[in-house]
PDB file of N, CA and C in Angstrom:
ATOM      1  N   MET A   1       2.569   4.655  13.503  1.00  0.00           N
ATOM      2  CA  MET A   1       1.668   5.737  13.259  1.00  0.00           C
ATOM      3  C   MET A   1       0.768   5.911  14.464  1.00  0.00           C
ATOM      4  N   SER A   2       0.532   7.087  14.844  1.00  0.00           N
ATOM      5  CA  SER A   2      -0.450   7.339  15.878  1.00  0.00           C
ATOM      6  C   SER A   2      -1.795   7.495  15.189  1.00  0.00           C
ATOM      7  N   GLN A   3      -2.867   7.553  15.971  1.00  0.00           N
ATOM      8  CA  GLN A   3      -4.155   7.800  15.346  1.00  0.00           C
ATOM      9  C   GLN A   3      -4.125   9.218  14.828  1.00  0.00           C
ATOM     10  N   HIS A   4      -4.260   9.368  13.528  1.00  0.00           N
ATOM     11  CA  HIS A   4      -4.154  10.676  12.912  1.00  0.00           C
ATOM     12  C   HIS A   4      -5.425  10.994  12.159  1.00  0.00           C
ATOM     13  N   SER A   5      -5.686  12.248  12.001  1.00  0.00           N
ATOM     14  CA  SER A   5      -6.850  12.662  11.244  1.00  0.00           C
ATOM     15  C   SER A   5      -6.396  13.379   9.983  1.00  0.00           C
ATOM     16  N   GLU A   6      -7.348  13.718   9.162  1.00  0.00           N
ATOM     17  CA  GLU A   6      -7.076  14.363   7.897  1.00  0.00           C
ATOM     18  C   GLU A   6      -6.186  15.594   8.073  1.00  0.00           C
ATOM     19  N   ASN A   7      -5.158  15.681   7.235  1.00  0.00           N
ATOM     20  CA  ASN A   7      -4.269  16.839   7.173  1.00  0.00           C
ATOM     21  C   ASN A   7      -3.545  17.156   8.474  1.00  0.00           C
ATOM     22  N   THR A   8      -3.155  16.145   9.223  1.00  0.00           N
ATOM     23  CA  THR A   8      -2.316  16.360  10.402  1.00  0.00           C
ATOM     24  C   THR A   8      -1.066  15.517  10.276  1.00  0.00           C
ATOM     25  N   SER A   9      -0.023  15.917  10.974  1.00  0.00           N
ATOM     26  CA  SER A   9       1.211  15.134  11.000  1.00  0.00           C
ATOM     27  C   SER A   9       1.047  13.964  11.952  1.00  0.00           C
ATOM     28  N   PHE A  10       1.825  12.903  11.715  1.00  0.00           N
ATOM     29  CA  PHE A  10       1.814  11.747  12.604  1.00  0.00           C
ATOM     30  C   PHE A  10       3.153  11.038  12.521  1.00  0.00           C
ATOM     31  N   THR A  11       3.425  10.198  13.494  1.00  0.00           N
ATOM     32  CA  THR A  11       4.637   9.380  13.507  1.00  0.00           C
ATOM     33  C   THR A  11       4.265   7.975  13.082  1.00  0.00           C
ATOM     34  N   CYS A  12       4.965   7.453  12.085  1.00  0.00           N
ATOM     35  CA  CYS A  12       4.690   6.112  11.586  1.00  0.00           C
ATOM     36  C   CYS A  12       5.008   5.094  12.669  1.00  0.00           C
ATOM     37  N   ARG A  13       4.061   4.226  12.956  1.00  0.00           N
ATOM     38  CA  ARG A  13       4.235   3.190  13.967  1.00  0.00           C
ATOM     39  C   ARG A  13       5.215   2.108  13.515  1.00  0.00           C
ATOM     40  N   VAL A  14       5.432   1.978  12.208  1.00  0.00           N
ATOM     41  CA  VAL A  14       6.301   0.927  11.678  1.00  0.00           C
ATOM     42  C   VAL A  14       7.755   1.387  11.563  1.00  0.00           C
ATOM     43  N   CYS A  15       7.992   2.536  10.922  1.00  0.00           N
ATOM     44  CA  CYS A  15       9.380   2.965  10.691  1.00  0.00           C
ATOM     45  C   CYS A  15       9.802   4.168  11.519  1.00  0.00           C
ATOM     46  N   GLY A  16       8.870   4.816  12.222  1.00  0.00           N
ATOM     47  CA  GLY A  16       9.207   5.934  13.096  1.00  0.00           C
ATOM     48  C   GLY A  16       9.337   7.284  12.423  1.00  0.00           C
ATOM     49  N   ARG A  17       9.111   7.348  11.125  1.00  0.00           N
ATOM     50  CA  ARG A  17       9.225   8.614  10.398  1.00  0.00           C
ATOM     51  C   ARG A  17       8.106   9.573  10.791  1.00  0.00           C
ATOM     52  N   THR A  18       8.436  10.862  10.888  1.00  0.00           N
ATOM     53  CA  THR A  18       7.413  11.886  11.069  1.00  0.00           C
ATOM     54  C   THR A  18       6.830  12.179   9.693  1.00  0.00           C
ATOM     55  N   VAL A  19       5.523  11.995   9.553  1.00  0.00           N
ATOM     56  CA  VAL A  19       4.838  12.145   8.272  1.00  0.00           C
ATOM     57  C   VAL A  19       3.988  13.407   8.327  1.00  0.00           C
ATOM     58  N   THR A  20       4.180  14.276   7.349  1.00  0.00           N
ATOM     59  CA  THR A  20       3.408  15.512   7.270  1.00  0.00           C
ATOM     60  C   THR A  20       2.502  15.459   6.045  1.00  0.00           C
ATOM     61  N   PRO A  21       1.419  16.217   6.044  1.00  0.00           N
ATOM     62  CA  PRO A  21       0.497  16.172   4.905  1.00  0.00           C
ATOM     63  C   PRO A  21       1.041  16.844   3.650  1.00  0.00           C
ATOM     64  N   GLU A  22       2.015  17.735   3.798  1.00  0.00           N
ATOM     65  CA  GLU A  22       2.566  18.423   2.641  1.00  0.00           C
ATOM     66  C   GLU A  22       3.210  17.430   1.681  1.00  0.00           C
ATOM     67  N   GLY A  23       2.961  17.632   0.408  1.00  0.00           N
ATOM     68  CA  GLY A  23       3.582  16.797  -0.622  1.00  0.00           C
ATOM     69  C   GLY A  23       2.787  15.574  -1.002  1.00  0.00           C
ATOM     70  N   ALA A  24       1.712  15.267  -0.272  1.00  0.00           N
ATOM     71  CA  ALA A  24       0.949  14.053  -0.561  1.00  0.00           C
ATOM     72  C   ALA A  24       0.101  14.187  -1.818  1.00  0.00           C
ATOM     73  N   GLY A  25      -0.399  15.393  -2.094  1.00  0.00           N
ATOM     74  CA  GLY A  25      -1.252  15.586  -3.261  1.00  0.00           C
ATOM     75  C   GLY A  25      -2.657  15.043  -3.079  1.00  0.00           C
ATOM     76  N   THR A  26      -3.077  14.834  -1.833  1.00  0.00           N
ATOM     77  CA  THR A  26      -4.411  14.313  -1.531  1.00  0.00           C
ATOM     78  C   THR A  26      -4.892  14.893  -0.208  1.00  0.00           C
ATOM     79  N   ARG A  27      -6.204  14.911   0.001  1.00  0.00           N
ATOM     80  CA  ARG A  27      -6.774  15.432   1.253  1.00  0.00           C
ATOM     81  C   ARG A  27      -6.592  14.464   2.416  1.00  0.00           C
ATOM     82  N   HIS A  28      -6.452  13.184   2.112  1.00  0.00           N
ATOM     83  CA  HIS A  28      -6.400  12.166   3.169  1.00  0.00           C
ATOM     84  C   HIS A  28      -5.037  11.487   3.191  1.00  0.00           C
ATOM     85  N   ARG A  29      -4.107  12.012   3.963  1.00  0.00           N
ATOM     86  CA  ARG A  29      -2.793  11.384   4.121  1.00  0.00           C
ATOM     87  C   ARG A  29      -3.007  10.193   5.049  1.00  0.00           C
ATOM     88  N   ASN A  30      -3.003   8.989   4.494  1.00  0.00           N
ATOM     89  CA  ASN A  30      -3.342   7.831   5.315  1.00  0.00           C
ATOM     90  C   ASN A  30      -2.259   6.765   5.379  1.00  0.00           C
ATOM     91  N   HIS A  31      -1.086   7.050   4.829  1.00  0.00           N
ATOM     92  CA  HIS A  31      -0.011   6.073   4.943  1.00  0.00           C
ATOM     93  C   HIS A  31       1.335   6.799   4.910  1.00  0.00           C
ATOM     94  N   CYS A  32       2.343   6.101   5.378  1.00  0.00           N
ATOM     95  CA  CYS A  32       3.701   6.634   5.434  1.00  0.00           C
ATOM     96  C   CYS A  32       4.310   6.588   4.032  1.00  0.00           C
ATOM     97  N   PRO A  33       4.868   7.690   3.539  1.00  0.00           N
ATOM     98  CA  PRO A  33       5.457   7.664   2.201  1.00  0.00           C
ATOM     99  C   PRO A  33       6.773   6.893   2.138  1.00  0.00           C
ATOM    100  N   ALA A  34       7.380   6.620   3.281  1.00  0.00           N
ATOM    101  CA  ALA A  34       8.657   5.890   3.296  1.00  0.00           C
ATOM    102  C   ALA A  34       8.437   4.384   3.264  1.00  0.00           C
ATOM    103  N   CYS A  35       7.671   3.849   4.215  1.00  0.00           N
ATOM    104  CA  CYS A  35       7.486   2.391   4.291  1.00  0.00           C
ATOM    105  C   CYS A  35       6.135   1.944   3.741  1.00  0.00           C
ATOM    106  N   LEU A  36       5.270   2.897   3.415  1.00  0.00           N
ATOM    107  CA  LEU A  36       3.963   2.670   2.789  1.00  0.00           C
ATOM    108  C   LEU A  36       2.937   2.007   3.705  1.00  0.00           C
ATOM    109  N   HIS A  37       3.240   1.829   4.988  1.00  0.00           N
ATOM    110  CA  HIS A  37       2.287   1.253   5.940  1.00  0.00           C
ATOM    111  C   HIS A  37       1.278   2.303   6.396  1.00  0.00           C
ATOM    112  N   SER A  38       0.161   1.829   6.902  1.00  0.00           N
ATOM    113  CA  SER A  38      -0.902   2.684   7.386  1.00  0.00           C
ATOM    114  C   SER A  38      -1.460   2.086   8.671  1.00  0.00           C
ATOM    115  N   LEU A  39      -2.546   2.668   9.157  1.00  0.00           N
ATOM    116  CA  LEU A  39      -3.287   2.108  10.282  1.00  0.00           C
ATOM    117  C   LEU A  39      -4.721   1.888   9.865  1.00  0.00           C
ATOM    118  N   HIS A  40      -5.354   0.873  10.419  1.00  0.00           N
ATOM    119  CA  HIS A  40      -6.752   0.593  10.130  1.00  0.00           C
ATOM    120  C   HIS A  40      -7.621   1.509  10.997  1.00  0.00           C
ATOM    121  N   LEU A  41      -7.825   2.731  10.479  1.00  0.00           N
ATOM    122  CA  LEU A  41      -8.611   3.732  11.195  1.00  0.00           C
ATOM    123  C   LEU A  41      -9.932   4.040  10.513  1.00  0.00           C
ATOM    124  N   ASP A  42     -10.005   3.843   9.205  1.00  0.00           N
ATOM    125  CA  ASP A  42     -11.178   4.250   8.429  1.00  0.00           C
ATOM    126  C   ASP A  42     -11.957   3.057   7.900  1.00  0.00           C
ATOM    127  N   ASN A  43     -13.287   3.251   7.805  1.00  0.00           N
ATOM    128  CA  ASN A  43     -14.118   2.341   7.028  1.00  0.00           C
ATOM    129  C   ASN A  43     -14.219   2.874   5.596  1.00  0.00           C
ATOM    130  N   VAL A  44     -14.388   4.186   5.475  1.00  0.00           N
ATOM    131  CA  VAL A  44     -14.291   4.887   4.201  1.00  0.00           C
ATOM    132  C   VAL A  44     -13.291   6.020   4.418  1.00  0.00           C
ATOM    133  N   PRO A  45     -12.565   6.435   3.376  1.00  0.00           N
ATOM    134  CA  PRO A  45     -11.494   7.415   3.572  1.00  0.00           C
ATOM    135  C   PRO A  45     -11.920   8.643   4.386  1.00  0.00           C
ATOM    136  N   GLY A  46     -11.185   8.862   5.467  1.00  0.00           N
ATOM    137  CA  GLY A  46     -11.376  10.045   6.286  1.00  0.00           C
ATOM    138  C   GLY A  46     -12.392   9.948   7.392  1.00  0.00           C
ATOM    139  N   ASP A  47     -13.144   8.829   7.509  1.00  0.00           N
ATOM    140  CA  ASP A  47     -14.209   8.800   8.523  1.00  0.00           C
ATOM    141  C   ASP A  47     -13.727   8.464   9.933  1.00  0.00           C
ATOM    142  N   ARG A  48     -12.540   7.866  10.066  1.00  0.00           N
ATOM    143  CA  ARG A  48     -11.959   7.478  11.357  1.00  0.00           C
ATOM    144  C   ARG A  48     -12.947   6.665  12.199  1.00  0.00           C
ATOM    145  N   ALA A  49     -13.760   5.823  11.530  1.00  0.00           N
ATOM    146  CA  ALA A  49     -14.804   5.059  12.203  1.00  0.00           C
ATOM    147  C   ALA A  49     -14.427   3.610  12.489  1.00  0.00           C
ATOM    148  N   ALA A  50     -13.294   3.111  11.977  1.00  0.00           N
ATOM    149  CA  ALA A  50     -12.903   1.723  12.229  1.00  0.00           C
ATOM    150  C   ALA A  50     -12.375   1.609  13.658  1.00  0.00           C
ATOM    151  N   GLY A  51     -12.798   0.609  14.370  1.00  0.00           N
ATOM    152  CA  GLY A  51     -12.364   0.416  15.744  1.00  0.00           C
ATOM    153  C   GLY A  51     -11.137  -0.463  15.888  1.00  0.00           C
ATOM    154  N   CYS A  52     -10.602  -0.973  14.811  1.00  0.00           N
ATOM    155  CA  CYS A  52      -9.509  -1.950  14.853  1.00  0.00           C
ATOM    156  C   CYS A  52      -8.183  -1.328  15.292  1.00  0.00           C
ATOM    157  N   GLY A  53      -7.687  -0.359  14.541  1.00  0.00           N
ATOM    158  CA  GLY A  53      -6.411   0.286  14.849  1.00  0.00           C
ATOM    159  C   GLY A  53      -5.180  -0.515  14.501  1.00  0.00           C
ATOM    160  N   GLY A  54      -5.340  -1.654  13.821  1.00  0.00           N
ATOM    161  CA  GLY A  54      -4.197  -2.490  13.463  1.00  0.00           C
ATOM    162  C   GLY A  54      -3.333  -1.861  12.382  1.00  0.00           C
ATOM    163  N   VAL A  55      -2.115  -2.364  12.235  1.00  0.00           N
ATOM    164  CA  VAL A  55      -1.203  -1.905  11.182  1.00  0.00           C
ATOM    165  C   VAL A  55      -1.691  -2.454   9.848  1.00  0.00           C
ATOM    166  N   MET A  56      -1.781  -1.559   8.869  1.00  0.00           N
ATOM    167  CA  MET A  56      -2.161  -1.926   7.505  1.00  0.00           C
ATOM    168  C   MET A  56      -0.874  -2.076   6.690  1.00  0.00           C
ATOM    169  N   GLU A  57      -0.600  -3.287   6.274  1.00  0.00           N
ATOM    170  CA  GLU A  57       0.619  -3.602   5.530  1.00  0.00           C
ATOM    171  C   GLU A  57       0.362  -3.464   4.031  1.00  0.00           C
ATOM    172  N   PRO A  58       1.266  -2.809   3.286  1.00  0.00           N
ATOM    173  CA  PRO A  58       1.096  -2.746   1.832  1.00  0.00           C
ATOM    174  C   PRO A  58       1.392  -4.119   1.229  1.00  0.00           C
ATOM    175  N   VAL A  59       0.425  -4.668   0.496  1.00  0.00           N
ATOM    176  CA  VAL A  59       0.593  -6.009  -0.059  1.00  0.00           C
ATOM    177  C   VAL A  59       0.552  -6.041  -1.582  1.00  0.00           C
ATOM    178  N   GLY A  60       0.198  -4.920  -2.206  1.00  0.00           N
ATOM    179  CA  GLY A  60       0.144  -4.921  -3.658  1.00  0.00           C
ATOM    180  C   GLY A  60      -0.219  -3.565  -4.215  1.00  0.00           C
ATOM    181  N   ILE A  61      -0.258  -3.512  -5.542  1.00  0.00           N
ATOM    182  CA  ILE A  61      -0.615  -2.317  -6.293  1.00  0.00           C
ATOM    183  C   ILE A  61      -1.790  -2.671  -7.194  1.00  0.00           C
ATOM    184  N   TRP A  62      -2.727  -1.762  -7.293  1.00  0.00           N
ATOM    185  CA  TRP A  62      -3.855  -1.903  -8.203  1.00  0.00           C
ATOM    186  C   TRP A  62      -3.825  -0.696  -9.124  1.00  0.00           C
ATOM    187  N   VAL A  63      -3.925  -0.915 -10.422  1.00  0.00           N
ATOM    188  CA  VAL A  63      -3.990   0.186 -11.374  1.00  0.00           C
ATOM    189  C   VAL A  63      -5.456   0.374 -11.745  1.00  0.00           C
ATOM    190  N   ARG A  64      -5.975   1.538 -11.383  1.00  0.00           N
ATOM    191  CA  ARG A  64      -7.382   1.841 -11.646  1.00  0.00           C
ATOM    192  C   ARG A  64      -7.612   2.074 -13.133  1.00  0.00           C
ATOM    193  N   ARG A  65      -8.861   2.055 -13.511  1.00  0.00           N
ATOM    194  CA  ARG A  65      -9.249   2.189 -14.914  1.00  0.00           C
ATOM    195  C   ARG A  65      -8.651   3.442 -15.564  1.00  0.00           C
ATOM    196  N   ASP A  66      -8.528   4.524 -14.777  1.00  0.00           N
ATOM    197  CA  ASP A  66      -7.990   5.782 -15.313  1.00  0.00           C
ATOM    198  C   ASP A  66      -6.464   5.819 -15.301  1.00  0.00           C
ATOM    199  N   GLY A  67      -5.816   4.722 -14.898  1.00  0.00           N
ATOM    200  CA  GLY A  67      -4.369   4.640 -14.873  1.00  0.00           C
ATOM    201  C   GLY A  67      -3.741   5.027 -13.547  1.00  0.00           C
ATOM    202  N   GLU A  68      -4.547   5.548 -12.615  1.00  0.00           N
ATOM    203  CA  GLU A  68      -4.021   5.925 -11.304  1.00  0.00           C
ATOM    204  C   GLU A  68      -3.686   4.674 -10.495  1.00  0.00           C
ATOM    205  N   TRP A  69      -2.559   4.722  -9.801  1.00  0.00           N
ATOM    206  CA  TRP A  69      -2.142   3.602  -8.953  1.00  0.00           C
ATOM    207  C   TRP A  69      -2.759   3.740  -7.570  1.00  0.00           C
ATOM    208  N   ALA A  70      -3.075   2.611  -6.971  1.00  0.00           N
ATOM    209  CA  ALA A  70      -3.564   2.563  -5.597  1.00  0.00           C
ATOM    210  C   ALA A  70      -2.831   1.448  -4.867  1.00  0.00           C
ATOM    211  N   LEU A  71      -2.513   1.702  -3.615  1.00  0.00           N
ATOM    212  CA  LEU A  71      -1.908   0.686  -2.752  1.00  0.00           C
ATOM    213  C   LEU A  71      -3.006  -0.224  -2.225  1.00  0.00           C
ATOM    214  N   ILE A  72      -2.734  -1.494  -2.159  1.00  0.00           N
ATOM    215  CA  ILE A  72      -3.623  -2.429  -1.482  1.00  0.00           C
ATOM    216  C   ILE A  72      -3.000  -2.699  -0.116  1.00  0.00           C
ATOM    217  N   HIS A  73      -3.742  -2.379   0.935  1.00  0.00           N
ATOM    218  CA  HIS A  73      -3.295  -2.607   2.312  1.00  0.00           C
ATOM    219  C   HIS A  73      -4.128  -3.728   2.932  1.00  0.00           C
ATOM    220  N   ARG A  74      -3.475  -4.579   3.714  1.00  0.00           N
ATOM    221  CA  ARG A  74      -4.164  -5.629   4.482  1.00  0.00           C
ATOM    222  C   ARG A  74      -3.857  -5.402   5.951  1.00  0.00           C
ATOM    223  N   CYS A  75      -4.901  -5.404   6.771  1.00  0.00           N
ATOM    224  CA  CYS A  75      -4.722  -5.208   8.209  1.00  0.00           C
ATOM    225  C   CYS A  75      -4.126  -6.466   8.825  1.00  0.00           C
ATOM    226  N   ARG A  76      -3.042  -6.287   9.569  1.00  0.00           N
ATOM    227  CA  ARG A  76      -2.391  -7.416  10.231  1.00  0.00           C
ATOM    228  C   ARG A  76      -3.254  -7.970  11.367  1.00  0.00           C
ATOM    229  N   ARG A  77      -4.148  -7.175  11.905  1.00  0.00           N
ATOM    230  CA  ARG A  77      -4.974  -7.604  13.032  1.00  0.00           C
ATOM    231  C   ARG A  77      -6.245  -8.326  12.574  1.00  0.00           C
ATOM    232  N   CYS A  78      -7.002  -7.709  11.662  1.00  0.00           N
ATOM    233  CA  CYS A  78      -8.304  -8.294  11.299  1.00  0.00           C
ATOM    234  C   CYS A  78      -8.379  -8.804   9.862  1.00  0.00           C
ATOM    235  N   GLY A  79      -7.373  -8.491   9.030  1.00  0.00           N
ATOM    236  CA  GLY A  79      -7.322  -9.025   7.674  1.00  0.00           C
ATOM    237  C   GLY A  79      -8.073  -8.232   6.617  1.00  0.00           C
ATOM    238  N   VAL A  80      -8.737  -7.143   6.994  1.00  0.00           N
ATOM    239  CA  VAL A  80      -9.489  -6.369   6.007  1.00  0.00           C
ATOM    240  C   VAL A  80      -8.540  -5.800   4.952  1.00  0.00           C
ATOM    241  N   LEU A  81      -9.032  -5.707   3.716  1.00  0.00           N
ATOM    242  CA  LEU A  81      -8.276  -5.122   2.606  1.00  0.00           C
ATOM    243  C   LEU A  81      -8.862  -3.764   2.256  1.00  0.00           C
ATOM    244  N   HIS A  82      -7.993  -2.787   2.016  1.00  0.00           N
ATOM    245  CA  HIS A  82      -8.416  -1.454   1.578  1.00  0.00           C
ATOM    246  C   HIS A  82      -7.506  -1.004   0.449  1.00  0.00           C
ATOM    247  N   ALA A  83      -8.068  -0.262  -0.492  1.00  0.00           N
ATOM    248  CA  ALA A  83      -7.286   0.378  -1.550  1.00  0.00           C
ATOM    249  C   ALA A  83      -7.116   1.844  -1.178  1.00  0.00           C
ATOM    250  N   ASN A  84      -5.896   2.347  -1.290  1.00  0.00           N
ATOM    251  CA  ASN A  84      -5.588   3.733  -0.968  1.00  0.00           C
ATOM    252  C   ASN A  84      -4.789   4.353  -2.104  1.00  0.00           C
ATOM    253  N   ARG A  85      -5.192   5.543  -2.516  1.00  0.00           N
ATOM    254  CA  ARG A  85      -4.487   6.246  -3.589  1.00  0.00           C
ATOM    255  C   ARG A  85      -3.007   6.379  -3.260  1.00  0.00           C
ATOM    256  N   VAL A  86      -2.175   6.203  -4.258  1.00  0.00           N
ATOM    257  CA  VAL A  86      -0.755   6.461  -4.112  1.00  0.00           C
ATOM    258  C   VAL A  86      -0.594   7.969  -3.970  1.00  0.00           C
ATOM    259  N   ALA A  87       0.234   8.391  -3.026  1.00  0.00           N
ATOM    260  CA  ALA A  87       0.483   9.809  -2.810  1.00  0.00           C
ATOM    261  C   ALA A  87       1.667  10.270  -3.655  1.00  0.00           C
ATOM    262  N   ALA A  88       1.699  11.552  -3.942  1.00  0.00           N
ATOM    263  CA  ALA A  88       2.728  12.116  -4.819  1.00  0.00           C
ATOM    264  C   ALA A  88       4.138  11.921  -4.287  1.00  0.00           C
ATOM    265  N   ASP A  89       4.284  11.837  -2.952  1.00  0.00           N
ATOM    266  CA  ASP A  89       5.622  11.724  -2.366  1.00  0.00           C
ATOM    267  C   ASP A  89       5.957  10.309  -1.889  1.00  0.00           C
ATOM    268  N   ASP A  90       5.184   9.312  -2.304  1.00  0.00           N
ATOM    269  CA  ASP A  90       5.484   7.927  -1.917  1.00  0.00           C
ATOM    270  C   ASP A  90       6.800   7.461  -2.527  1.00  0.00           C
ATOM    271  N   ASP A  91       7.502   6.598  -1.813  1.00  0.00           N
ATOM    272  CA  ASP A  91       8.796   6.068  -2.242  1.00  0.00           C
ATOM    273  C   ASP A  91       8.635   5.286  -3.553  1.00  0.00           C
ATOM    274  N   PRO A  92       9.218   5.773  -4.648  1.00  0.00           N
ATOM    275  CA  PRO A  92       9.070   5.082  -5.935  1.00  0.00           C
ATOM    276  C   PRO A  92       9.607   3.656  -5.931  1.00  0.00           C
ATOM    277  N   MET A  93      10.729   3.428  -5.237  1.00  0.00           N
ATOM    278  CA  MET A  93      11.285   2.067  -5.197  1.00  0.00           C
ATOM    279  C   MET A  93      10.364   1.126  -4.429  1.00  0.00           C
ATOM    280  N   GLY A  94       9.772   1.608  -3.358  1.00  0.00           N
ATOM    281  CA  GLY A  94       8.818   0.796  -2.606  1.00  0.00           C
ATOM    282  C   GLY A  94       7.604   0.438  -3.444  1.00  0.00           C
ATOM    283  N   LEU A  95       7.112   1.417  -4.189  1.00  0.00           N
ATOM    284  CA  LEU A  95       5.958   1.173  -5.064  1.00  0.00           C
ATOM    285  C   LEU A  95       6.303   0.162  -6.158  1.00  0.00           C
ATOM    286  N   MET A  96       7.457   0.328  -6.785  1.00  0.00           N
ATOM    287  CA  MET A  96       7.857  -0.602  -7.845  1.00  0.00           C
ATOM    288  C   MET A  96       8.096  -2.003  -7.295  1.00  0.00           C
ATOM    289  N   SER A  97       8.661  -2.103  -6.102  1.00  0.00           N
ATOM    290  CA  SER A  97       8.873  -3.415  -5.478  1.00  0.00           C
ATOM    291  C   SER A  97       7.554  -4.141  -5.276  1.00  0.00           C
ATOM    292  N   LEU A  98       6.532  -3.408  -4.834  1.00  0.00           N
ATOM    293  CA  LEU A  98       5.209  -4.022  -4.677  1.00  0.00           C
ATOM    294  C   LEU A  98       4.624  -4.429  -6.027  1.00  0.00           C
ATOM    295  N   ALA A  99       4.803  -3.570  -7.023  1.00  0.00           N
ATOM    296  CA  ALA A  99       4.216  -3.831  -8.339  1.00  0.00           C
ATOM    297  C   ALA A  99       4.803  -5.061  -9.008  1.00  0.00           C
ATOM    298  N   VAL A 100       6.104  -5.313  -8.835  1.00  0.00           N
ATOM    299  CA  VAL A 100       6.746  -6.443  -9.520  1.00  0.00           C
ATOM    300  C   VAL A 100       6.801  -7.702  -8.658  1.00  0.00           C
ATOM    301  N   ARG A 101       6.353  -7.621  -7.421  1.00  0.00           N
ATOM    302  CA  ARG A 101       6.413  -8.789  -6.530  1.00  0.00           C
ATOM    303  C   ARG A 101       5.774 -10.038  -7.147  1.00  0.00           C
ATOM    304  N   PRO A 102       4.621  -9.953  -7.791  1.00  0.00           N
ATOM    305  CA  PRO A 102       4.046 -11.172  -8.388  1.00  0.00           C
ATOM    306  C   PRO A 102       4.937 -11.789  -9.466  1.00  0.00           C
ATOM    307  N   LEU A 103       5.670 -10.954 -10.206  1.00  0.00           N
ATOM    308  CA  LEU A 103       6.573 -11.486 -11.227  1.00  0.00           C
ATOM    309  C   LEU A 103       7.810 -12.113 -10.610  1.00  0.00           C
ATOM    310  N   ALA A 104       8.265 -11.550  -9.494  1.00  0.00           N
ATOM    311  CA  ALA A 104       9.460 -12.064  -8.819  1.00  0.00           C
ATOM    312  C   ALA A 104       9.164 -13.322  -8.012  1.00  0.00           C
ATOM    313  N   GLN A 105       7.896 -13.517  -7.642  1.00  0.00           N
ATOM    314  CA  GLN A 105       7.507 -14.673  -6.832  1.00  0.00           C
ATOM    315  C   GLN A 105       6.299 -15.371  -7.462  1.00  0.00           C
ATOM    316  N   PRO A 106       6.473 -15.964  -8.652  1.00  0.00           N
ATOM    317  CA  PRO A 106       5.329 -16.612  -9.309  1.00  0.00           C
ATOM    318  C   PRO A 106       4.870 -17.839  -8.519  1.00  0.00           C
ATOM    319  N   PRO A 107       3.619 -18.254  -8.728  1.00  0.00           N
ATOM    320  CA  PRO A 107       3.078 -19.398  -7.991  1.00  0.00           C
ATOM    321  C   PRO A 107       3.494 -20.748  -8.560  1.00  0.00           C
ATOM    322  N   PHE A 108       4.482 -20.747  -9.437  1.00  0.00           N
ATOM    323  CA  PHE A 108       4.980 -21.976 -10.054  1.00  0.00           C
ATOM    324  C   PHE A 108       6.481 -21.819 -10.296  1.00  0.00           C
ATOM    325  N   PRO A 109       7.209 -22.917 -10.433  1.00  0.00           N
ATOM    326  CA  PRO A 109       8.647 -22.820 -10.733  1.00  0.00           C
ATOM    327  C   PRO A 109       8.870 -22.179 -12.110  1.00  0.00           C
ATOM    328  N   LEU A 110       9.852 -21.302 -12.203  1.00  0.00           N
ATOM    329  CA  LEU A 110      10.120 -20.607 -13.464  1.00  0.00           C
ATOM    330  C   LEU A 110      10.522 -21.565 -14.593  1.00  0.00           C
ATOM    331  N   GLN A 111      11.023 -22.742 -14.236  1.00  0.00           N
ATOM    332  CA  GLN A 111      11.387 -23.720 -15.263  1.00  0.00           C
ATOM    333  C   GLN A 111      10.177 -24.118 -16.110  1.00  0.00           C
ATOM    334  N   TYR A 112       8.974 -24.035 -15.535  1.00  0.00           N
ATOM    335  CA  TYR A 112       7.766 -24.375 -16.290  1.00  0.00           C
ATOM    336  C   TYR A 112       7.595 -23.444 -17.492  1.00  0.00           C
ATOM    337  N   LEU A 113       7.997 -22.186 -17.353  1.00  0.00           N
ATOM    338  CA  LEU A 113       7.902 -21.260 -18.479  1.00  0.00           C
ATOM    339  C   LEU A 113       8.814 -21.693 -19.615  1.00  0.00           C
ATOM    340  N   GLU A 114      10.011 -22.138 -19.264  1.00  0.00           N
ATOM    341  CA  GLU A 114      10.945 -22.631 -20.284  1.00  0.00           C
ATOM    342  C   GLU A 114      10.338 -23.803 -21.035  1.00  0.00           C
ATOM    343  N   ARG A 115       9.797 -24.762 -20.294  1.00  0.00           N
ATOM    344  CA  ARG A 115       9.203 -25.957 -20.908  1.00  0.00           C
ATOM    345  C   ARG A 115       8.033 -25.571 -21.799  1.00  0.00           C
ATOM    346  N   MET A 116       7.208 -24.649 -21.344  1.00  0.00           N
ATOM    347  CA  MET A 116       6.060 -24.229 -22.152  1.00  0.00           C
ATOM    348  C   MET A 116       6.523 -23.550 -23.438  1.00  0.00           C
ATOM    349  N   ALA A 117       7.573 -22.734 -23.358  1.00  0.00           N
ATOM    350  CA  ALA A 117       8.102 -22.051 -24.534  1.00  0.00           C
ATOM    351  C   ALA A 117       8.678 -23.069 -25.529  1.00  0.00           C
ATOM    352  N   GLU A 118       9.346 -24.113 -25.034  1.00  0.00           N
ATOM    353  CA  GLU A 118       9.907 -25.138 -25.908  1.00  0.00           C
ATOM    354  C   GLU A 118       8.818 -25.884 -26.647  1.00  0.00           C
ATOM    355  N   HIS A 119       7.700 -26.148 -25.996  1.00  0.00           N
ATOM    356  CA  HIS A 119       6.595 -26.898 -26.621  1.00  0.00           C
ATOM    357  C   HIS A 119       5.859 -26.069 -27.649  1.00  0.00           C
ATOM    358  N   ARG A 120       5.934 -24.763 -27.560  1.00  0.00           N
ATOM    359  CA  ARG A 120       5.256 -23.893 -28.521  1.00  0.00           C
ATOM    360  C   ARG A 120       6.018 -23.775 -29.834  1.00  0.00           C
ATOM    361  N   GLU A 121       7.299 -24.051 -29.799  1.00  0.00           N
ATOM    362  CA  GLU A 121       8.117 -23.876 -31.020  1.00  0.00           C
ATOM    363  C   GLU A 121       7.931 -24.981 -31.993  1.00  0.00           C
TER     364      GLU A 121
END
């Protein structure tokens, strides 16, 4: 991604896709709908005040109180975390992969679930 501003096209620095604002359903197109990566350009959405410029990697999904999904991005350079609204044209498989990642990679061996279920019976 190049340094982009609100409602302008940009080239994704990660996957090379040309990203246009059309289809996003939001005023602030801040990530690639294909690979879901962004750049650390903002302190608050649209301000372009962050001096870092690092690649923001999608690391998770957060479901807001109203049911709207948001991407959690972590900057590869400085580690800051930001939540960004999911755009209307974001890759559904990419979003679902992020959403189920904690279930696919639990912090314990899956055999422990079997043992716990056996002890409950």
